[in-house]
């Protein structure tokens, strides 16, 4: 591999790593919210309707986290395609 190709590969690897780190950071936010909601519903006295409302918010946060994990999977698959001789990684 010549130095120009190595530089392109390094830049692609760095961009993929940055994208992965950004997505992981964004994924941690709804997970922290879910944890807080669950702790609240376990420890606070509230009506069944109030608990239902909090749990519905938790489900919304789970949907957001799942979306971000899908984004992360696409980034990793794209990176695997760059370095894995056209392979796509399905986990």
Protein backbone atom coordinates (compact mmCIF):
# COMPACT_ATOMS: atom_id res chain seq x y z
CA UNK A 1 0.00 0.00 0.00
CA UNK A 2 1.50 3.36 -0.95
CA UNK A 3 1.60 6.32 1.43
CA UNK A 4 -1.32 8.10 -0.26
CA UNK A 5 -3.57 5.05 0.16
CA UNK A 6 -2.42 4.67 3.76
CA UNK A 7 -3.33 8.29 4.46
CA UNK A 8 -6.79 7.85 2.90
CA UNK A 9 -7.34 4.69 4.98
CA UNK A 10 -6.18 6.49 8.14
CA UNK A 11 -8.52 9.43 7.49
CA UNK A 12 -11.45 7.07 6.84
CA UNK A 13 -10.66 5.16 10.03
CA UNK A 14 -10.48 8.40 12.03
CA UNK A 15 -13.80 9.64 10.60
CA UNK A 16 -15.49 6.32 11.40
CA UNK A 17 -14.11 6.39 14.95
CA UNK A 18 -15.39 9.94 15.44
CA UNK A 19 -18.83 8.94 14.15
CA UNK A 20 -18.93 5.93 16.47
CA UNK A 21 -17.98 8.03 19.50
CA UNK A 22 -20.64 10.66 18.68
CA UNK A 23 -23.34 8.01 18.31
CA UNK A 24 -22.31 6.27 21.54
CA UNK A 25 -22.50 9.59 23.39
CA UNK A 26 -25.95 10.27 21.97
CA UNK A 27 -27.05 6.74 22.90
CA UNK A 28 -26.00 7.20 26.53
CA UNK A 29 -28.45 10.09 26.94
CA UNK A 30 -31.71 8.12 26.49
CA UNK A 31 -30.26 5.22 28.50
CA UNK A 32 -29.61 7.57 31.44
CA UNK A 33 -33.14 8.94 31.10
CA UNK A 34 -34.58 5.42 31.11
CA UNK A 35 -32.62 4.60 34.25
CA UNK A 36 -33.96 7.72 35.97
CA UNK A 37 -37.53 6.97 34.94
CA UNK A 38 -37.34 3.39 36.20
CA UNK A 39 -35.78 4.45 39.51
CA UNK A 40 -38.48 7.09 39.93
CA UNK A 41 -41.33 4.68 39.24
CA UNK A 42 -39.86 2.17 41.71
CA UNK A 43 -39.24 4.59 44.56
CA UNK A 44 -41.93 7.28 44.36
CA UNK A 45 -45.53 6.93 45.46
CA UNK A 46 -47.72 7.64 42.43
CA UNK A 47 -50.94 6.58 40.83
CA UNK A 48 -51.13 3.86 38.21
CA UNK A 49 -51.82 6.54 35.60
CA UNK A 50 -48.72 8.48 36.61
CA UNK A 51 -46.59 5.34 36.46
CA UNK A 52 -48.05 4.54 33.04
CA UNK A 53 -47.12 8.02 31.77
CA UNK A 54 -43.54 7.64 33.02
CA UNK A 55 -43.24 4.17 31.50
CA UNK A 56 -44.53 5.50 28.16
CA UNK A 57 -41.71 8.06 28.26
CA UNK A 58 -39.26 5.23 28.94
CA UNK A 59 -40.55 3.39 25.85
CA UNK A 60 -39.98 6.55 23.77
CA UNK A 61 -36.41 6.74 25.06
CA UNK A 62 -35.85 3.06 24.22
CA UNK A 63 -37.00 3.80 20.66
CA UNK A 64 -34.44 6.62 20.45
CA UNK A 65 -31.67 4.37 21.80
CA UNK A 66 -32.56 1.63 19.32
CA UNK A 67 -32.38 4.15 16.48
CA UNK A 68 -28.92 5.21 17.57
CA UNK A 69 -27.75 1.61 17.82
CA UNK A 70 -28.98 1.16 14.23
CA UNK A 71 -26.90 4.21 13.22
CA UNK A 72 -23.90 2.71 14.98
CA UNK A 73 -24.39 -0.61 13.19
CA UNK A 74 -24.46 1.17 9.81
CA UNK A 75 -21.23 3.04 10.58
CA UNK A 76 -19.50 -0.17 11.67
CA UNK A 77 -20.76 -2.03 8.61
CA UNK A 78 -19.49 0.76 6.37
CA UNK A 79 -16.11 0.64 8.07
CA UNK A 80 -16.02 -3.15 7.72
CA UNK A 81 -16.68 -2.70 4.03
CA UNK A 82 -13.67 -0.42 3.77
CA UNK A 83 -11.35 -2.76 5.62
CA UNK A 84 -12.93 -6.15 5.20
CA UNK A 85 -12.59 -6.55 1.44
CA UNK A 86 -16.23 -5.73 0.79
CA UNK A 87 -17.59 -7.71 3.73
CA UNK A 88 -20.59 -6.37 5.57
CA UNK A 89 -20.74 -7.21 9.24
CA UNK A 90 -24.11 -8.20 10.68
CA UNK A 91 -24.14 -8.59 14.43
